Amino acid sequence: MDIIDKHYGGVVVLQLNRPKNLNALNTNIMHDIVSIMSKYDKEPEVGCFVITGNEKAFAAGADIKEMVDKSYLEMLDEDFFAGWEQFVNIKTPKIAAVSGYALGGGCELAMMCDMVFAAENAKFGQPEIKLGVIPGIGGSQRLTKLIGRVKAMDMILTGKFIDAKEAKQAGLVSRIFPVETLLEETIKVAKIISNYSKPTTQKAKEVVNRAEEIGLKEGVLFERSMFHSLFATQDQKEGMKAFIEKRDPDFKGFKTLKKTN
């Protein structure tokens, strides 16, 4: 099995499982990840995904053997890599837990997640230039938005790697943990997210992502519209009443919707 999925309450962990290939990403893995996540994305009980690899490699790039002999027309006809946009469109929050190498497609996979947590041994890079190509799964765009044009240009034109500390300082990584506790600590955070209202976490994702695409004035108006929309949910009532009553909220999310269908 190239993908192993495990459940921890409302958290689904997807582990890349191609250790002999340093978890290189191929079309089959892409389809498997998207298929599994699309299924659980619709489950009210699932509130967060964690994507991880092994201690040596999160994913050391796309599978070169799958691409080496393809022609331009074949790549164009297949719209190669386009399927990863389905991964991006998953509404449920997703966290990348990166240990070891996250290079090329692996770095891009991490950046397609909503947060990136790294082990102290993590290495990030977009070394496609060494293969005579450029990033193809959004690396040039997402990396530039996350760490800035100058630093992204340095990494993409030289193929240099950066470690976890530098990645955190640059804005690519949110938190750093020891290698041996990375997954455990990531699941703890994922459980916190999964215990919140799923409609609310989805709206929170949406407004933050929109901030990268539109200006401040339009962004504030969009945020306000999303804020107002949450007053149509029972979770808004429950959350505010629980705060006033000094108790923990009991969020239902989409669970009530599932029961009535």
C-alpha atoms as a PDB file:
ATOM      1  CA  MET A   1       0.000   0.000   0.000  1.00  0.00           C
ATOM      2  CA  ASP A   2       1.440   3.354  -1.056  1.00  0.00           C
ATOM      3  CA  ILE A   3      -0.875   5.238   1.314  1.00  0.00           C
ATOM      4  CA  ILE A   4      -1.716   4.185   4.866  1.00  0.00           C
ATOM      5  CA  ASP A   5      -4.618   5.975   6.542  1.00  0.00           C
ATOM      6  CA  LYS A   6      -5.216   5.843  10.286  1.00  0.00           C
ATOM      7  CA  HIS A   7      -7.896   7.459  12.434  1.00  0.00           C
ATOM      8  CA  TYR A   8      -7.429   9.256  15.734  1.00  0.00           C
ATOM      9  CA  GLY A   9     -10.897  10.433  16.664  1.00  0.00           C
ATOM     10  CA  GLY A  10     -11.794  13.227  14.263  1.00  0.00           C
ATOM     11  CA  VAL A  11      -8.312  13.197  12.731  1.00  0.00           C
ATOM     12  CA  VAL A  12      -7.324  11.163   9.664  1.00  0.00           C
ATOM     13  CA  VAL A  13      -3.586  10.615   9.174  1.00  0.00           C
ATOM     14  CA  LEU A  14      -2.403   9.753   5.652  1.00  0.00           C
ATOM     15  CA  GLN A  15       1.117   8.352   5.533  1.00  0.00           C
ATOM     16  CA  LEU A  16       3.031   8.137   2.268  1.00  0.00           C
ATOM     17  CA  ASN A  17       4.448   4.624   2.141  1.00  0.00           C
ATOM     18  CA  ARG A  18       7.038   4.265  -0.622  1.00  0.00           C
ATOM     19  CA  PRO A  19      10.191   4.164   1.534  1.00  0.00           C
ATOM     20  CA  LYS A  20      12.395   2.636  -1.203  1.00  0.00           C
ATOM     21  CA  ASN A  21      11.567   5.621  -3.424  1.00  0.00           C
ATOM     22  CA  LEU A  22      11.772   8.202  -0.617  1.00  0.00           C
ATOM     23  CA  ASN A  23       7.993   8.582  -1.011  1.00  0.00           C
ATOM     24  CA  ALA A  24       8.315   9.985  -4.519  1.00  0.00           C
ATOM     25  CA  LEU A  25       4.931  11.155  -5.775  1.00  0.00           C
ATOM     26  CA  ASN A  26       3.403   9.501  -8.811  1.00  0.00           C
ATOM     27  CA  THR A  27       0.001   9.558 -10.461  1.00  0.00           C
ATOM     28  CA  ASN A  28      -1.263   6.573  -8.474  1.00  0.00           C
ATOM     29  CA  ILE A  29      -0.377   8.229  -5.166  1.00  0.00           C
ATOM     30  CA  MET A  30      -2.067  11.427  -6.298  1.00  0.00           C
ATOM     31  CA  HIS A  31      -5.271   9.562  -7.144  1.00  0.00           C
ATOM     32  CA  ASP A  32      -5.160   7.563  -3.886  1.00  0.00           C
ATOM     33  CA  ILE A  33      -4.652  10.650  -1.707  1.00  0.00           C
ATOM     34  CA  VAL A  34      -7.399  12.590  -3.461  1.00  0.00           C
ATOM     35  CA  SER A  35      -9.780   9.618  -3.336  1.00  0.00           C
ATOM     36  CA  ILE A  36      -9.266   8.986   0.386  1.00  0.00           C
ATOM     37  CA  MET A  37      -9.453  12.651   1.343  1.00  0.00           C
ATOM     38  CA  SER A  38     -12.491  13.365  -0.845  1.00  0.00           C
ATOM     39  CA  LYS A  39     -14.340  10.568   0.926  1.00  0.00           C
ATOM     40  CA  TYR A  40     -13.516  11.768   4.428  1.00  0.00           C
ATOM     41  CA  ASP A  41     -13.915  15.434   3.497  1.00  0.00           C
ATOM     42  CA  LYS A  42     -17.663  14.781   3.406  1.00  0.00           C
ATOM     43  CA  GLU A  43     -17.733  12.962   6.752  1.00  0.00           C
ATOM     44  CA  PRO A  44     -19.055  15.212   9.567  1.00  0.00           C
ATOM     45  CA  GLU A  45     -16.914  13.383  12.132  1.00  0.00           C
ATOM     46  CA  VAL A  46     -13.631  14.146  10.334  1.00  0.00           C
ATOM     47  CA  GLY A  47     -12.331  17.581  11.277  1.00  0.00           C
ATOM     48  CA  CYS A  48      -8.679  17.559  10.208  1.00  0.00           C
ATOM     49  CA  PHE A  49      -6.202  15.672   8.006  1.00  0.00           C
ATOM     50  CA  VAL A  50      -2.512  15.067   8.668  1.00  0.00           C
ATOM     51  CA  ILE A  51      -0.225  14.223   5.733  1.00  0.00           C
ATOM     52  CA  THR A  52       3.123  12.674   6.615  1.00  0.00           C
ATOM     53  CA  GLY A  53       5.889  10.400   5.356  1.00  0.00           C
ATOM     54  CA  ASN A  54       8.632   8.690   7.346  1.00  0.00           C
ATOM     55  CA  GLU A  55      11.612   9.919   9.328  1.00  0.00           C
ATOM     56  CA  LYS A  56      13.890  10.049   6.282  1.00  0.00           C
ATOM     57  CA  ALA A  57      11.531  11.628   3.781  1.00  0.00           C
ATOM     58  CA  PHE A  58       8.183  13.360   3.679  1.00  0.00           C
ATOM     59  CA  ALA A  59       8.411  13.129  -0.117  1.00  0.00           C
ATOM     60  CA  ALA A  60      11.658  13.611  -2.025  1.00  0.00           C
ATOM     61  CA  GLY A  61       9.951  14.862  -5.174  1.00  0.00           C
ATOM     62  CA  ALA A  62       7.805  13.656  -8.036  1.00  0.00           C
ATOM     63  CA  ASP A  63       8.615  10.257  -9.533  1.00  0.00           C
ATOM     64  CA  ILE A  64      11.110  11.064 -12.306  1.00  0.00           C
ATOM     65  CA  LYS A  65      10.798   7.585 -13.836  1.00  0.00           C
ATOM     66  CA  GLU A  66       7.152   8.317 -14.609  1.00  0.00           C
ATOM     67  CA  MET A  67       8.014  11.475 -16.547  1.00  0.00           C
ATOM     68  CA  VAL A  68      11.417  11.000 -18.137  1.00  0.00           C
ATOM     69  CA  ASP A  69      10.236   9.646 -21.500  1.00  0.00           C
ATOM     70  CA  LYS A  70       7.088  11.734 -21.908  1.00  0.00           C
ATOM     71  CA  SER A  71       6.847  14.203 -24.761  1.00  0.00           C
ATOM     72  CA  TYR A  72       5.510  17.737 -24.621  1.00  0.00           C
ATOM     73  CA  LEU A  73       2.293  16.664 -26.340  1.00  0.00           C
ATOM     74  CA  GLU A  74       1.795  13.816 -23.856  1.00  0.00           C
ATOM     75  CA  MET A  75       2.271  16.145 -20.882  1.00  0.00           C
ATOM     76  CA  LEU A  76      -0.108  18.637 -22.459  1.00  0.00           C
ATOM     77  CA  ASP A  77      -2.736  16.029 -23.348  1.00  0.00           C
ATOM     78  CA  GLU A  78      -2.661  14.510 -19.852  1.00  0.00           C
ATOM     79  CA  ASP A  79      -2.498  17.964 -18.222  1.00  0.00           C
ATOM     80  CA  PHE A  80       0.110  16.365 -16.017  1.00  0.00           C
ATOM     81  CA  PHE A  81      -0.091  17.315 -12.300  1.00  0.00           C
ATOM     82  CA  ALA A  82      -3.499  19.006 -12.742  1.00  0.00           C
ATOM     83  CA  GLY A  83      -5.115  16.388 -10.507  1.00  0.00           C
ATOM     84  CA  TRP A  84      -3.374  17.882  -7.487  1.00  0.00           C
ATOM     85  CA  GLU A  85      -5.816  20.800  -7.634  1.00  0.00           C
ATOM     86  CA  GLN A  86      -8.413  18.394  -6.228  1.00  0.00           C
ATOM     87  CA  PHE A  87      -6.150  18.048  -3.196  1.00  0.00           C
ATOM     88  CA  VAL A  88      -6.019  21.817  -2.835  1.00  0.00           C
ATOM     89  CA  ASN A  89      -9.820  21.984  -2.998  1.00  0.00           C
ATOM     90  CA  ILE A  90     -10.340  19.693   0.013  1.00  0.00           C
ATOM     91  CA  LYS A  91     -12.327  21.816   2.468  1.00  0.00           C
ATOM     92  CA  THR A  92     -11.336  20.083   5.699  1.00  0.00           C
ATOM     93  CA  PRO A  93      -8.155  21.581   7.239  1.00  0.00           C
ATOM     94  CA  LYS A  94      -4.971  19.659   6.486  1.00  0.00           C
ATOM     95  CA  ILE A  95      -1.563  19.749   8.161  1.00  0.00           C
ATOM     96  CA  ALA A  96       1.707  18.530   6.645  1.00  0.00           C
ATOM     97  CA  ALA A  97       3.977  16.817   9.187  1.00  0.00           C
ATOM     98  CA  VAL A  98       7.381  16.950   7.496  1.00  0.00           C
ATOM     99  CA  SER A  99      10.357  14.879   8.571  1.00  0.00           C
ATOM    100  CA  GLY A 100      13.423  14.538   6.389  1.00  0.00           C
ATOM    101  CA  TYR A 101      13.290  15.583   2.753  1.00  0.00           C
ATOM    102  CA  ALA A 102      10.433  17.641   1.286  1.00  0.00           C
ATOM    103  CA  LEU A 103      11.813  18.379  -2.149  1.00  0.00           C
ATOM    104  CA  GLY A 104      10.214  19.352  -5.447  1.00  0.00           C
ATOM    105  CA  GLY A 105       6.752  17.803  -5.461  1.00  0.00           C
ATOM    106  CA  GLY A 106       7.177  16.980  -1.770  1.00  0.00           C
ATOM    107  CA  CYS A 107       7.730  20.633  -0.906  1.00  0.00           C
ATOM    108  CA  GLU A 108       4.785  21.525  -3.124  1.00  0.00           C
ATOM    109  CA  LEU A 109       2.579  18.934  -1.397  1.00  0.00           C
ATOM    110  CA  ALA A 110       3.473  20.445   1.979  1.00  0.00           C
ATOM    111  CA  MET A 111       2.674  23.945   0.720  1.00  0.00           C
ATOM    112  CA  MET A 112      -0.724  22.767  -0.561  1.00  0.00           C
ATOM    113  CA  CYS A 113      -1.624  21.980   3.045  1.00  0.00           C
ATOM    114  CA  ASP A 114      -3.026  24.628   5.375  1.00  0.00           C
ATOM    115  CA  MET A 115      -0.174  24.373   7.865  1.00  0.00           C
ATOM    116  CA  VAL A 116       3.304  22.876   7.762  1.00  0.00           C
ATOM    117  CA  PHE A 117       4.867  21.391  10.899  1.00  0.00           C
ATOM    118  CA  ALA A 118       8.470  20.231  10.609  1.00  0.00           C
ATOM    119  CA  ALA A 119      10.801  17.902  12.442  1.00  0.00           C
ATOM    120  CA  GLU A 120      14.212  19.268  13.322  1.00  0.00           C
ATOM    121  CA  ASN A 121      15.752  17.201  10.499  1.00  0.00           C
ATOM    122  CA  ALA A 122      13.461  18.550   7.761  1.00  0.00           C
ATOM    123  CA  LYS A 123      14.922  19.851   4.492  1.00  0.00           C
ATOM    124  CA  PHE A 124      12.873  21.845   1.984  1.00  0.00           C
ATOM    125  CA  GLY A 125      13.750  22.620  -1.602  1.00  0.00           C
ATOM    126  CA  GLN A 126      12.643  23.075  -5.213  1.00  0.00           C
ATOM    127  CA  PRO A 127      15.623  21.533  -7.038  1.00  0.00           C
ATOM    128  CA  GLU A 128      13.868  20.937 -10.375  1.00  0.00           C
ATOM    129  CA  ILE A 129      16.402  23.228 -12.063  1.00  0.00           C
ATOM    130  CA  LYS A 130      18.947  20.406 -11.689  1.00  0.00           C
ATOM    131  CA  LEU A 131      16.732  18.202 -13.892  1.00  0.00           C
ATOM    132  CA  GLY A 132      16.290  20.754 -16.648  1.00  0.00           C
ATOM    133  CA  VAL A 133      12.758  21.702 -15.611  1.00  0.00           C
ATOM    134  CA  ILE A 134      10.971  24.039 -13.206  1.00  0.00           C
ATOM    135  CA  PRO A 135       8.425  23.442 -10.408  1.00  0.00           C
ATOM    136  CA  GLY A 136       5.178  22.091 -11.868  1.00  0.00           C
ATOM    137  CA  ILE A 137       2.735  21.656  -8.967  1.00  0.00           C
ATOM    138  CA  GLY A 138       2.548  25.305  -7.973  1.00  0.00           C
ATOM    139  CA  GLY A 139       5.938  25.564  -6.298  1.00  0.00           C
ATOM    140  CA  SER A 140       6.985  28.824  -7.936  1.00  0.00           C
ATOM    141  CA  GLN A 141       3.687  30.454  -7.000  1.00  0.00           C
ATOM    142  CA  ARG A 142       3.114  29.186  -3.462  1.00  0.00           C
ATOM    143  CA  LEU A 143       6.753  29.453  -2.406  1.00  0.00           C
ATOM    144  CA  THR A 144       6.917  33.063  -3.599  1.00  0.00           C
ATOM    145  CA  LYS A 145       3.721  33.965  -1.733  1.00  0.00           C
ATOM    146  CA  LEU A 146       4.976  32.286   1.447  1.00  0.00           C
ATOM    147  CA  ILE A 147       8.608  33.400   1.639  1.00  0.00           C
ATOM    148  CA  GLY A 148       8.892  36.282  -0.847  1.00  0.00           C
ATOM    149  CA  ARG A 149      10.238  36.682  -4.385  1.00  0.00           C
ATOM    150  CA  VAL A 150      13.943  37.061  -3.610  1.00  0.00           C
ATOM    151  CA  LYS A 151      14.247  33.994  -1.386  1.00  0.00           C
ATOM    152  CA  ALA A 152      12.023  31.896  -3.650  1.00  0.00           C
ATOM    153  CA  MET A 153      14.140  32.936  -6.648  1.00  0.00           C
ATOM    154  CA  ASP A 154      17.281  31.891  -4.774  1.00  0.00           C
ATOM    155  CA  MET A 155      15.886  28.437  -3.997  1.00  0.00           C
ATOM    156  CA  ILE A 156      14.410  27.804  -7.450  1.00  0.00           C
ATOM    157  CA  LEU A 157      17.373  29.091  -9.510  1.00  0.00           C
ATOM    158  CA  THR A 158      20.085  27.404  -7.411  1.00  0.00           C
ATOM    159  CA  GLY A 159      18.210  24.324  -6.209  1.00  0.00           C
ATOM    160  CA  LYS A 160      19.450  24.948  -2.656  1.00  0.00           C
ATOM    161  CA  PHE A 161      17.772  23.304   0.350  1.00  0.00           C
ATOM    162  CA  ILE A 162      16.760  25.086   3.539  1.00  0.00           C
ATOM    163  CA  ASP A 163      16.466  23.452   6.949  1.00  0.00           C
ATOM    164  CA  ALA A 164      13.520  23.568   9.348  1.00  0.00           C
ATOM    165  CA  LYS A 165      14.821  26.571  11.254  1.00  0.00           C
ATOM    166  CA  GLU A 166      15.338  28.674   8.144  1.00  0.00           C
ATOM    167  CA  ALA A 167      11.995  27.520   6.738  1.00  0.00           C
ATOM    168  CA  LYS A 168      10.239  28.668   9.911  1.00  0.00           C
ATOM    169  CA  GLN A 169      12.009  32.019   9.874  1.00  0.00           C
ATOM    170  CA  ALA A 170      11.030  32.473   6.218  1.00  0.00           C
ATOM    171  CA  GLY A 171       7.347  31.685   6.848  1.00  0.00           C
ATOM    172  CA  LEU A 172       7.169  28.266   5.192  1.00  0.00           C
ATOM    173  CA  VAL A 173       6.885  26.318   8.473  1.00  0.00           C
ATOM    174  CA  SER A 174       4.578  27.046  11.383  1.00  0.00           C
ATOM    175  CA  ARG A 175       6.062  24.865  14.160  1.00  0.00           C
ATOM    176  CA  ILE A 176       9.155  22.703  14.711  1.00  0.00           C
ATOM    177  CA  PHE A 177       9.244  19.536  16.833  1.00  0.00           C
ATOM    178  CA  PRO A 178      11.824  16.833  17.610  1.00  0.00           C
ATOM    179  CA  VAL A 179      11.785  14.031  15.035  1.00  0.00           C
ATOM    180  CA  GLU A 180      10.490  11.459  17.505  1.00  0.00           C
ATOM    181  CA  THR A 181       7.490  13.559  18.598  1.00  0.00           C
ATOM    182  CA  LEU A 182       6.557  15.271  15.306  1.00  0.00           C
ATOM    183  CA  LEU A 183       3.559  13.105  14.454  1.00  0.00           C
ATOM    184  CA  GLU A 184       2.315  12.946  18.042  1.00  0.00           C
ATOM    185  CA  GLU A 185       2.443  16.725  18.428  1.00  0.00           C
ATOM    186  CA  THR A 186       0.853  17.282  15.017  1.00  0.00           C
ATOM    187  CA  ILE A 187      -2.041  14.975  15.890  1.00  0.00           C
ATOM    188  CA  LYS A 188      -2.557  16.924  19.133  1.00  0.00           C
ATOM    189  CA  VAL A 189      -2.988  20.132  17.140  1.00  0.00           C
ATOM    190  CA  ALA A 190      -5.175  18.366  14.571  1.00  0.00           C
ATOM    191  CA  LYS A 191      -7.445  17.129  17.375  1.00  0.00           C
ATOM    192  CA  ILE A 192      -7.855  20.697  18.649  1.00  0.00           C
ATOM    193  CA  ILE A 193      -8.972  21.774  15.174  1.00  0.00           C
ATOM    194  CA  SER A 194     -11.235  18.749  14.716  1.00  0.00           C
ATOM    195  CA  ASN A 195     -13.075  19.553  17.950  1.00  0.00           C
ATOM    196  CA  TYR A 196     -14.180  22.926  16.614  1.00  0.00           C
ATOM    197  CA  SER A 197     -17.198  23.457  14.378  1.00  0.00           C
ATOM    198  CA  LYS A 198     -16.380  22.028  10.943  1.00  0.00           C
ATOM    199  CA  PRO A 199     -18.403  24.688   9.069  1.00  0.00           C
ATOM    200  CA  THR A 200     -16.452  27.320  10.988  1.00  0.00           C
ATOM    201  CA  THR A 201     -13.006  25.860  10.319  1.00  0.00           C
ATOM    202  CA  GLN A 202     -13.890  25.652   6.643  1.00  0.00           C
ATOM    203  CA  LYS A 203     -14.928  29.314   6.569  1.00  0.00           C
ATOM    204  CA  ALA A 204     -11.754  30.249   8.452  1.00  0.00           C
ATOM    205  CA  LYS A 205      -9.684  28.506   5.774  1.00  0.00           C
ATOM    206  CA  GLU A 206     -11.640  30.228   3.049  1.00  0.00           C
ATOM    207  CA  VAL A 207     -11.123  33.755   4.342  1.00  0.00           C
ATOM    208  CA  VAL A 208      -7.395  33.272   4.949  1.00  0.00           C
ATOM    209  CA  ASN A 209      -6.881  31.772   1.489  1.00  0.00           C
ATOM    210  CA  ARG A 210      -8.859  34.602  -0.105  1.00  0.00           C
ATOM    211  CA  ALA A 211      -6.477  37.120   1.490  1.00  0.00           C
ATOM    212  CA  GLU A 212      -3.780  35.932  -0.934  1.00  0.00           C
ATOM    213  CA  GLU A 213      -5.976  36.577  -3.944  1.00  0.00           C
ATOM    214  CA  ILE A 214      -7.723  39.920  -3.419  1.00  0.00           C
ATOM    215  CA  GLY A 215      -7.041  43.384  -2.002  1.00  0.00           C
ATOM    216  CA  LEU A 216      -7.562  44.434   1.617  1.00  0.00           C
ATOM    217  CA  LYS A 217     -10.866  46.254   1.114  1.00  0.00           C
ATOM    218  CA  GLU A 218     -12.436  43.373  -0.795  1.00  0.00           C
ATOM    219  CA  GLY A 219     -10.949  40.900   1.676  1.00  0.00           C
ATOM    220  CA  VAL A 220     -12.480  42.642   4.691  1.00  0.00           C
ATOM    221  CA  LEU A 221     -15.868  42.703   2.977  1.00  0.00           C
ATOM    222  CA  PHE A 222     -15.571  38.997   2.176  1.00  0.00           C
ATOM    223  CA  GLU A 223     -14.533  38.197   5.760  1.00  0.00           C
ATOM    224  CA  ARG A 224     -17.513  40.132   7.131  1.00  0.00           C
ATOM    225  CA  SER A 225     -19.866  38.274   4.803  1.00  0.00           C
ATOM    226  CA  MET A 226     -18.491  34.913   5.988  1.00  0.00           C
ATOM    227  CA  PHE A 227     -18.713  36.054   9.615  1.00  0.00           C
ATOM    228  CA  HIS A 228     -22.369  36.980   9.154  1.00  0.00           C
ATOM    229  CA  SER A 229     -23.099  33.657   7.445  1.00  0.00           C
ATOM    230  CA  LEU A 230     -22.028  31.681  10.511  1.00  0.00           C
ATOM    231  CA  PHE A 231     -24.954  33.167  12.432  1.00  0.00           C
ATOM    232  CA  ALA A 232     -27.082  30.766  10.425  1.00  0.00           C
ATOM    233  CA  THR A 233     -25.454  27.832  12.246  1.00  0.00           C
ATOM    234  CA  GLN A 234     -26.331  26.220  15.552  1.00  0.00           C
ATOM    235  CA  ASP A 235     -22.637  26.082  16.390  1.00  0.00           C
ATOM    236  CA  GLN A 236     -22.481  29.875  16.577  1.00  0.00           C
ATOM    237  CA  LYS A 237     -25.303  29.860  19.129  1.00  0.00           C
ATOM    238  CA  GLU A 238     -23.723  26.995  21.061  1.00  0.00           C
ATOM    239  CA  GLY A 239     -20.243  28.528  21.042  1.00  0.00           C
ATOM    240  CA  MET A 240     -21.348  31.921  22.328  1.00  0.00           C
ATOM    241  CA  LYS A 241     -23.744  30.483  24.928  1.00  0.00           C
ATOM    242  CA  ALA A 242     -21.009  28.165  26.196  1.00  0.00           C
ATOM    243  CA  PHE A 243     -18.659  31.125  26.556  1.00  0.00           C
ATOM    244  CA  ILE A 244     -21.243  33.086  28.568  1.00  0.00           C
ATOM    245  CA  GLU A 245     -22.065  30.034  30.688  1.00  0.00           C
ATOM    246  CA  LYS A 246     -18.363  29.292  31.250  1.00  0.00           C
ATOM    247  CA  ARG A 247     -18.454  25.740  29.880  1.00  0.00           C
ATOM    248  CA  ASP A 248     -16.970  23.846  26.957  1.00  0.00           C
ATOM    249  CA  PRO A 249     -19.049  24.076  23.769  1.00  0.00           C
ATOM    250  CA  ASP A 250     -20.597  20.995  22.191  1.00  0.00           C
ATOM    251  CA  PHE A 251     -20.251  21.684  18.491  1.00  0.00           C
ATOM    252  CA  LYS A 252     -22.331  19.565  16.106  1.00  0.00           C
ATOM    253  CA  GLY A 253     -21.062  20.895  12.772  1.00  0.00           C
ATOM    254  CA  PHE A 254     -22.545  18.948   9.887  1.00  0.00           C
ATOM    255  CA  LYS A 255     -23.629  16.047  12.116  1.00  0.00           C
ATOM    256  CA  THR A 256     -27.168  17.379  12.524  1.00  0.00           C
ATOM    257  CA  LEU A 257     -27.435  17.823   8.757  1.00  0.00           C
ATOM    258  CA  LYS A 258     -26.477  14.173   8.247  1.00  0.00           C
ATOM    259  CA  LYS A 259     -29.129  12.984  10.696  1.00  0.00           C
ATOM    260  CA  THR A 260     -31.928  14.879   8.953  1.00  0.00           C
ATOM    261  CA  ASN A 261     -31.077  13.596   5.466  1.00  0.00           C
END
